[in-house]
Amino acid sequence: MDPNATTMTVTEFKARCLRLVDELGPSGILLTKRGRPVARVLPAASRDNRDLIGAMKGSITIKGNLLSTGVRWHAEP
């Protein structure tokens, strides 16, 4: 998470969202609910958005045959 992002509650964002979106900075806004982060609002042309593409590359491993259920069966004509 970006330490420069503004943090506010979902309720506060809802009350002020139109003005906040107009004034949205490059770091965006981190929305919280009951003290826990639930969403992040970023500008469409933000550099942060481009960083998300491919961010998980190399962290996911596929075990077994992706296209199989693992159950053997025989179809009868």
PDB file of N, CA and C in Angstrom:
ATOM      1  N   MET A   1       0.834  -1.180   0.000  1.00  0.00           N
ATOM      2  CA  MET A   1       0.000   0.000   0.000  1.00  0.00           C
ATOM      3  C   MET A   1       0.874   1.238   0.000  1.00  0.00           C
ATOM      4  N   ASP A   2       0.388   2.253  -0.637  1.00  0.00           N
ATOM      5  CA  ASP A   2       1.123   3.502  -0.733  1.00  0.00           C
ATOM      6  C   ASP A   2       0.995   4.278   0.576  1.00  0.00           C
ATOM      7  N   PRO A   3       2.105   4.572   1.248  1.00  0.00           N
ATOM      8  CA  PRO A   3       2.027   5.306   2.513  1.00  0.00           C
ATOM      9  C   PRO A   3       1.547   6.745   2.319  1.00  0.00           C
ATOM     10  N   ASN A   4       1.590   7.254   1.091  1.00  0.00           N
ATOM     11  CA  ASN A   4       1.144   8.625   0.831  1.00  0.00           C
ATOM     12  C   ASN A   4      -0.345   8.716   0.531  1.00  0.00           C
ATOM     13  N   ALA A   5      -1.022   7.581   0.406  1.00  0.00           N
ATOM     14  CA  ALA A   5      -2.449   7.586   0.088  1.00  0.00           C
ATOM     15  C   ALA A   5      -3.248   8.133   1.268  1.00  0.00           C
ATOM     16  N   THR A   6      -4.276   8.887   0.954  1.00  0.00           N
ATOM     17  CA  THR A   6      -5.186   9.378   1.976  1.00  0.00           C
ATOM     18  C   THR A   6      -6.028   8.207   2.458  1.00  0.00           C
ATOM     19  N   THR A   7      -6.262   8.142   3.761  1.00  0.00           N
ATOM     20  CA  THR A   7      -7.093   7.077   4.330  1.00  0.00           C
ATOM     21  C   THR A   7      -8.345   7.701   4.925  1.00  0.00           C
ATOM     22  N   MET A   8      -9.506   7.111   4.617  1.00  0.00           N
ATOM     23  CA  MET A   8     -10.759   7.584   5.196  1.00  0.00           C
ATOM     24  C   MET A   8     -11.759   6.439   5.242  1.00  0.00           C
ATOM     25  N   THR A   9     -12.795   6.620   6.025  1.00  0.00           N
ATOM     26  CA  THR A   9     -13.822   5.594   6.138  1.00  0.00           C
ATOM     27  C   THR A   9     -14.718   5.626   4.903  1.00  0.00           C
ATOM     28  N   VAL A  10     -15.382   4.515   4.658  1.00  0.00           N
ATOM     29  CA  VAL A  10     -16.312   4.418   3.533  1.00  0.00           C
ATOM     30  C   VAL A  10     -17.442   5.433   3.714  1.00  0.00           C
ATOM     31  N   THR A  11     -17.914   5.615   4.939  1.00  0.00           N
ATOM     32  CA  THR A  11     -18.992   6.560   5.223  1.00  0.00           C
ATOM     33  C   THR A  11     -18.582   7.984   4.868  1.00  0.00           C
ATOM     34  N   GLU A  12     -17.358   8.367   5.253  1.00  0.00           N
ATOM     35  CA  GLU A  12     -16.855   9.698   4.941  1.00  0.00           C
ATOM     36  C   GLU A  12     -16.706   9.884   3.425  1.00  0.00           C
ATOM     37  N   PHE A  13     -16.196   8.838   2.746  1.00  0.00           N
ATOM     38  CA  PHE A  13     -16.056   8.913   1.289  1.00  0.00           C
ATOM     39  C   PHE A  13     -17.413   9.076   0.620  1.00  0.00           C
ATOM     40  N   LYS A  14     -18.397   8.329   1.085  1.00  0.00           N
ATOM     41  CA  LYS A  14     -19.739   8.392   0.502  1.00  0.00           C
ATOM     42  C   LYS A  14     -20.311   9.804   0.608  1.00  0.00           C
ATOM     43  N   ALA A  15     -20.090  10.466   1.716  1.00  0.00           N
ATOM     44  CA  ALA A  15     -20.633  11.801   1.927  1.00  0.00           C
ATOM     45  C   ALA A  15     -19.940  12.848   1.050  1.00  0.00           C
ATOM     46  N   ARG A  16     -18.665  12.616   0.692  1.00  0.00           N
ATOM     47  CA  ARG A  16     -17.891  13.625  -0.035  1.00  0.00           C
ATOM     48  C   ARG A  16     -17.361  13.141  -1.382  1.00  0.00           C
ATOM     49  N   CYS A  17     -17.885  12.035  -1.914  1.00  0.00           N
ATOM     50  CA  CYS A  17     -17.257  11.370  -3.053  1.00  0.00           C
ATOM     51  C   CYS A  17     -17.129  12.224  -4.319  1.00  0.00           C
ATOM     52  N   LEU A  18     -18.112  13.019  -4.678  1.00  0.00           N
ATOM     53  CA  LEU A  18     -18.021  13.796  -5.911  1.00  0.00           C
ATOM     54  C   LEU A  18     -16.846  14.769  -5.877  1.00  0.00           C
ATOM     55  N   ARG A  19     -16.680  15.465  -4.786  1.00  0.00           N
ATOM     56  CA  ARG A  19     -15.575  16.410  -4.665  1.00  0.00           C
ATOM     57  C   ARG A  19     -14.241  15.671  -4.561  1.00  0.00           C
ATOM     58  N   LEU A  20     -14.205  14.560  -3.827  1.00  0.00           N
ATOM     59  CA  LEU A  20     -12.973  13.794  -3.665  1.00  0.00           C
ATOM     60  C   LEU A  20     -12.468  13.239  -4.991  1.00  0.00           C
ATOM     61  N   VAL A  21     -13.375  12.759  -5.827  1.00  0.00           N
ATOM     62  CA  VAL A  21     -12.966  12.217  -7.128  1.00  0.00           C
ATOM     63  C   VAL A  21     -12.399  13.325  -8.012  1.00  0.00           C
ATOM     64  N   ASP A  22     -12.973  14.525  -7.935  1.00  0.00           N
ATOM     65  CA  ASP A  22     -12.449  15.653  -8.702  1.00  0.00           C
ATOM     66  C   ASP A  22     -11.049  16.059  -8.244  1.00  0.00           C
ATOM     67  N   GLU A  23     -10.764  15.885  -6.968  1.00  0.00           N
ATOM     68  CA  GLU A  23      -9.487  16.312  -6.394  1.00  0.00           C
ATOM     69  C   GLU A  23      -8.541  15.139  -6.138  1.00  0.00           C
ATOM     70  N   LEU A  24      -8.801  13.996  -6.725  1.00  0.00           N
ATOM     71  CA  LEU A  24      -8.036  12.782  -6.461  1.00  0.00           C
ATOM     72  C   LEU A  24      -6.574  12.929  -6.861  1.00  0.00           C
ATOM     73  N   GLY A  25      -5.684  12.682  -5.912  1.00  0.00           N
ATOM     74  CA  GLY A  25      -4.252  12.770  -6.172  1.00  0.00           C
ATOM     75  C   GLY A  25      -3.720  11.460  -6.725  1.00  0.00           C
ATOM     76  N   PRO A  26      -2.463  11.436  -7.154  1.00  0.00           N
ATOM     77  CA  PRO A  26      -1.887  10.234  -7.763  1.00  0.00           C
ATOM     78  C   PRO A  26      -1.791   9.046  -6.807  1.00  0.00           C
ATOM     79  N   SER A  27      -1.764   9.302  -5.504  1.00  0.00           N
ATOM     80  CA  SER A  27      -1.680   8.208  -4.532  1.00  0.00           C
ATOM     81  C   SER A  27      -3.028   7.581  -4.241  1.00  0.00           C
ATOM     82  N   GLY A  28      -4.103   8.264  -4.615  1.00  0.00           N
ATOM     83  CA  GLY A  28      -5.436   7.718  -4.416  1.00  0.00           C
ATOM     84  C   GLY A  28      -5.922   7.829  -2.987  1.00  0.00           C
ATOM     85  N   ILE A  29      -6.988   7.086  -2.697  1.00  0.00           N
ATOM     86  CA  ILE A  29      -7.608   7.088  -1.373  1.00  0.00           C
ATOM     87  C   ILE A  29      -7.801   5.642  -0.938  1.00  0.00           C
ATOM     88  N   LEU A  30      -7.385   5.327   0.263  1.00  0.00           N
ATOM     89  CA  LEU A  30      -7.598   4.006   0.848  1.00  0.00           C
ATOM     90  C   LEU A  30      -8.844   4.088   1.715  1.00  0.00           C
ATOM     91  N   LEU A  31      -9.848   3.270   1.401  1.00  0.00           N
ATOM     92  CA  LEU A  31     -11.108   3.289   2.141  1.00  0.00           C
ATOM     93  C   LEU A  31     -11.111   2.189   3.191  1.00  0.00           C
ATOM     94  N   THR A  32     -11.570   2.539   4.380  1.00  0.00           N
ATOM     95  CA  THR A  32     -11.611   1.571   5.476  1.00  0.00           C
ATOM     96  C   THR A  32     -13.033   1.411   5.996  1.00  0.00           C
ATOM     97  N   LYS A  33     -13.272   0.243   6.552  1.00  0.00           N
ATOM     98  CA  LYS A  33     -14.551  -0.047   7.189  1.00  0.00           C
ATOM     99  C   LYS A  33     -14.225  -0.731   8.509  1.00  0.00           C
ATOM    100  N   ARG A  34     -14.658  -0.132   9.595  1.00  0.00           N
ATOM    101  CA  ARG A  34     -14.346  -0.643  10.935  1.00  0.00           C
ATOM    102  C   ARG A  34     -12.833  -0.795  11.149  1.00  0.00           C
ATOM    103  N   GLY A  35     -12.082   0.135  10.580  1.00  0.00           N
ATOM    104  CA  GLY A  35     -10.636   0.148  10.762  1.00  0.00           C
ATOM    105  C   GLY A  35      -9.843  -0.756   9.839  1.00  0.00           C
ATOM    106  N   ARG A  36     -10.513  -1.506   8.999  1.00  0.00           N
ATOM    107  CA  ARG A  36      -9.825  -2.420   8.072  1.00  0.00           C
ATOM    108  C   ARG A  36      -9.920  -1.900   6.642  1.00  0.00           C
ATOM    109  N   PRO A  37      -8.818  -1.961   5.876  1.00  0.00           N
ATOM    110  CA  PRO A  37      -8.871  -1.521   4.483  1.00  0.00           C
ATOM    111  C   PRO A  37      -9.797  -2.414   3.664  1.00  0.00           C
ATOM    112  N   VAL A  38     -10.683  -1.790   2.875  1.00  0.00           N
ATOM    113  CA  VAL A  38     -11.619  -2.565   2.050  1.00  0.00           C
ATOM    114  C   VAL A  38     -11.525  -2.228   0.568  1.00  0.00           C
ATOM    115  N   ALA A  39     -11.049  -1.042   0.219  1.00  0.00           N
ATOM    116  CA  ALA A  39     -10.975  -0.645  -1.187  1.00  0.00           C
ATOM    117  C   ALA A  39      -9.964   0.478  -1.354  1.00  0.00           C
ATOM    118  N   ARG A  40      -9.561   0.651  -2.606  1.00  0.00           N
ATOM    119  CA  ARG A  40      -8.637   1.730  -2.921  1.00  0.00           C
ATOM    120  C   ARG A  40      -9.127   2.419  -4.190  1.00  0.00           C
ATOM    121  N   VAL A  41      -9.230   3.734  -4.144  1.00  0.00           N
ATOM    122  CA  VAL A  41      -9.671   4.522  -5.284  1.00  0.00           C
ATOM    123  C   VAL A  41      -8.434   5.181  -5.882  1.00  0.00           C
ATOM    124  N   LEU A  42      -8.172   4.890  -7.166  1.00  0.00           N
ATOM    125  CA  LEU A  42      -7.015   5.440  -7.853  1.00  0.00           C
ATOM    126  C   LEU A  42      -7.457   6.176  -9.108  1.00  0.00           C
ATOM    127  N   PRO A  43      -6.722   7.211  -9.495  1.00  0.00           N
ATOM    128  CA  PRO A  43      -7.046   7.878 -10.756  1.00  0.00           C
ATOM    129  C   PRO A  43      -6.814   6.932 -11.935  1.00  0.00           C
ATOM    130  N   ALA A  44      -7.569   7.074 -12.992  1.00  0.00           N
ATOM    131  CA  ALA A  44      -7.489   6.175 -14.142  1.00  0.00           C
ATOM    132  C   ALA A  44      -6.113   6.190 -14.796  1.00  0.00           C
ATOM    133  N   ALA A  45      -5.442   7.318 -14.818  1.00  0.00           N
ATOM    134  CA  ALA A  45      -4.137   7.422 -15.479  1.00  0.00           C
ATOM    135  C   ALA A  45      -2.985   7.296 -14.495  1.00  0.00           C
ATOM    136  N   SER A  46      -3.266   6.738 -13.327  1.00  0.00           N
ATOM    137  CA  SER A  46      -2.236   6.650 -12.288  1.00  0.00           C
ATOM    138  C   SER A  46      -1.129   5.674 -12.660  1.00  0.00           C
ATOM    139  N   ARG A  47       0.076   6.003 -12.284  1.00  0.00           N
ATOM    140  CA  ARG A  47       1.211   5.108 -12.478  1.00  0.00           C
ATOM    141  C   ARG A  47       1.007   3.836 -11.659  1.00  0.00           C
ATOM    142  N   ASP A  48       0.315   3.952 -10.526  1.00  0.00           N
ATOM    143  CA  ASP A  48       0.047   2.797  -9.668  1.00  0.00           C
ATOM    144  C   ASP A  48      -0.755   1.725 -10.399  1.00  0.00           C
ATOM    145  N   ASN A  49      -1.693   2.137 -11.253  1.00  0.00           N
ATOM    146  CA  ASN A  49      -2.498   1.169 -12.002  1.00  0.00           C
ATOM    147  C   ASN A  49      -1.630   0.350 -12.941  1.00  0.00           C
ATOM    148  N   ARG A  50      -0.670   0.988 -13.605  1.00  0.00           N
ATOM    149  CA  ARG A  50       0.199   0.264 -14.529  1.00  0.00           C
ATOM    150  C   ARG A  50       1.078  -0.719 -13.769  1.00  0.00           C
ATOM    151  N   ASP A  51       1.408  -0.408 -12.537  1.00  0.00           N
ATOM    152  CA  ASP A  51       2.230  -1.306 -11.739  1.00  0.00           C
ATOM    153  C   ASP A  51       1.480  -2.580 -11.359  1.00  0.00           C
ATOM    154  N   LEU A  52       0.155  -2.551 -11.377  1.00  0.00           N
ATOM    155  CA  LEU A  52      -0.633  -3.722 -11.000  1.00  0.00           C
ATOM    156  C   LEU A  52      -0.582  -4.812 -12.067  1.00  0.00           C
ATOM    157  N   ILE A  53      -0.402  -4.414 -13.337  1.00  0.00           N
ATOM    158  CA  ILE A  53      -0.372  -5.386 -14.423  1.00  0.00           C
ATOM    159  C   ILE A  53       0.893  -6.224 -14.291  1.00  0.00           C
ATOM    160  N   GLY A  54       0.706  -7.521 -14.132  1.00  0.00           N
ATOM    161  CA  GLY A  54       1.831  -8.435 -13.988  1.00  0.00           C
ATOM    162  C   GLY A  54       2.401  -8.487 -12.585  1.00  0.00           C
ATOM    163  N   ALA A  55       1.755  -7.850 -11.621  1.00  0.00           N
ATOM    164  CA  ALA A  55       2.283  -7.790 -10.260  1.00  0.00           C
ATOM    165  C   ALA A  55       2.385  -9.172  -9.605  1.00  0.00           C
ATOM    166  N   MET A  56       1.567 -10.120 -10.015  1.00  0.00           N
ATOM    167  CA  MET A  56       1.584 -11.447  -9.397  1.00  0.00           C
ATOM    168  C   MET A  56       2.390 -12.462 -10.203  1.00  0.00           C
ATOM    169  N   LYS A  57       3.036 -12.001 -11.267  1.00  0.00           N
ATOM    170  CA  LYS A  57       3.808 -12.901 -12.121  1.00  0.00           C
ATOM    171  C   LYS A  57       4.859 -13.643 -11.294  1.00  0.00           C
ATOM    172  N   GLY A  58       4.874 -14.966 -11.448  1.00  0.00           N
ATOM    173  CA  GLY A  58       5.837 -15.794 -10.743  1.00  0.00           C
ATOM    174  C   GLY A  58       5.407 -16.203  -9.341  1.00  0.00           C
ATOM    175  N   SER A  59       4.276 -15.694  -8.855  1.00  0.00           N
ATOM    176  CA  SER A  59       3.853 -16.040  -7.499  1.00  0.00           C
ATOM    177  C   SER A  59       2.754 -17.102  -7.476  1.00  0.00           C
ATOM    178  N   ILE A  60       2.292 -17.525  -8.643  1.00  0.00           N
ATOM    179  CA  ILE A  60       1.237 -18.532  -8.714  1.00  0.00           C
ATOM    180  C   ILE A  60       1.800 -19.787  -9.363  1.00  0.00           C
ATOM    181  N   THR A  61       1.543 -20.928  -8.736  1.00  0.00           N
ATOM    182  CA  THR A  61       1.977 -22.194  -9.315  1.00  0.00           C
ATOM    183  C   THR A  61       0.757 -23.062  -9.580  1.00  0.00           C
ATOM    184  N   ILE A  62       0.775 -23.751 -10.707  1.00  0.00           N
ATOM    185  CA  ILE A  62      -0.318 -24.639 -11.083  1.00  0.00           C
ATOM    186  C   ILE A  62       0.119 -26.058 -10.787  1.00  0.00           C
ATOM    187  N   LYS A  63      -0.663 -26.744  -9.994  1.00  0.00           N
ATOM    188  CA  LYS A  63      -0.353 -28.132  -9.641  1.00  0.00           C
ATOM    189  C   LYS A  63      -1.347 -29.040 -10.335  1.00  0.00           C
ATOM    190  N   GLY A  64      -0.849 -29.977 -11.086  1.00  0.00           N
ATOM    191  CA  GLY A  64      -1.718 -30.914 -11.785  1.00  0.00           C
ATOM    192  C   GLY A  64      -2.199 -30.363 -13.109  1.00  0.00           C
ATOM    193  N   ASN A  65      -3.165 -31.075 -13.685  1.00  0.00           N
ATOM    194  CA  ASN A  65      -3.716 -30.699 -14.975  1.00  0.00           C
ATOM    195  C   ASN A  65      -4.831 -29.680 -14.762  1.00  0.00           C
ATOM    196  N   LEU A  66      -4.637 -28.496 -15.272  1.00  0.00           N
ATOM    197  CA  LEU A  66      -5.584 -27.409 -15.092  1.00  0.00           C
ATOM    198  C   LEU A  66      -6.938 -27.698 -15.738  1.00  0.00           C
ATOM    199  N   LEU A  67      -6.953 -28.512 -16.797  1.00  0.00           N
ATOM    200  CA  LEU A  67      -8.188 -28.778 -17.527  1.00  0.00           C
ATOM    201  C   LEU A  67      -8.864 -30.087 -17.129  1.00  0.00           C
ATOM    202  N   SER A  68      -8.453 -30.690 -16.044  1.00  0.00           N
ATOM    203  CA  SER A  68      -9.014 -31.965 -15.621  1.00  0.00           C
ATOM    204  C   SER A  68      -9.620 -31.855 -14.229  1.00  0.00           C
ATOM    205  N   THR A  69     -10.669 -32.651 -13.994  1.00  0.00           N
ATOM    206  CA  THR A  69     -11.271 -32.711 -12.657  1.00  0.00           C
ATOM    207  C   THR A  69     -10.535 -33.702 -11.776  1.00  0.00           C
ATOM    208  N   GLY A  70      -9.704 -34.545 -12.388  1.00  0.00           N
ATOM    209  CA  GLY A  70      -8.990 -35.557 -11.637  1.00  0.00           C
ATOM    210  C   GLY A  70      -9.761 -36.855 -11.478  1.00  0.00           C
ATOM    211  N   VAL A  71     -10.994 -36.883 -11.982  1.00  0.00           N
ATOM    212  CA  VAL A  71     -11.837 -38.077 -11.882  1.00  0.00           C
ATOM    213  C   VAL A  71     -11.785 -38.824 -13.208  1.00  0.00           C
ATOM    214  N   ARG A  72     -11.477 -40.115 -13.147  1.00  0.00           N
ATOM    215  CA  ARG A  72     -11.454 -40.925 -14.362  1.00  0.00           C
ATOM    216  C   ARG A  72     -12.862 -41.420 -14.655  1.00  0.00           C
ATOM    217  N   TRP A  73     -13.251 -41.377 -15.912  1.00  0.00           N
ATOM    218  CA  TRP A  73     -14.558 -41.882 -16.318  1.00  0.00           C
ATOM    219  C   TRP A  73     -14.472 -42.402 -17.732  1.00  0.00           C
ATOM    220  N   HIS A  74     -15.416 -43.240 -18.076  1.00  0.00           N
ATOM    221  CA  HIS A  74     -15.467 -43.838 -19.406  1.00  0.00           C
ATOM    222  C   HIS A  74     -16.846 -43.533 -20.005  1.00  0.00           C
ATOM    223  N   ALA A  75     -16.827 -42.947 -21.169  1.00  0.00           N
ATOM    224  CA  ALA A  75     -18.078 -42.643 -21.866  1.00  0.00           C
ATOM    225  C   ALA A  75     -18.491 -43.882 -22.672  1.00  0.00           C
ATOM    226  N   GLU A  76     -19.749 -44.262 -22.587  1.00  0.00           N
ATOM    227  CA  GLU A  76     -20.247 -45.374 -23.377  1.00  0.00           C
ATOM    228  C   GLU A  76     -20.910 -44.826 -24.622  1.00  0.00           C
ATOM    229  N   PRO A  77     -20.727 -45.516 -25.770  1.00  0.00           N
ATOM    230  CA  PRO A  77     -21.331 -45.045 -27.018  1.00  0.00           C
ATOM    231  C   PRO A  77     -22.835 -45.130 -27.015  1.00  0.00           C
TER     232      PRO A  77
END
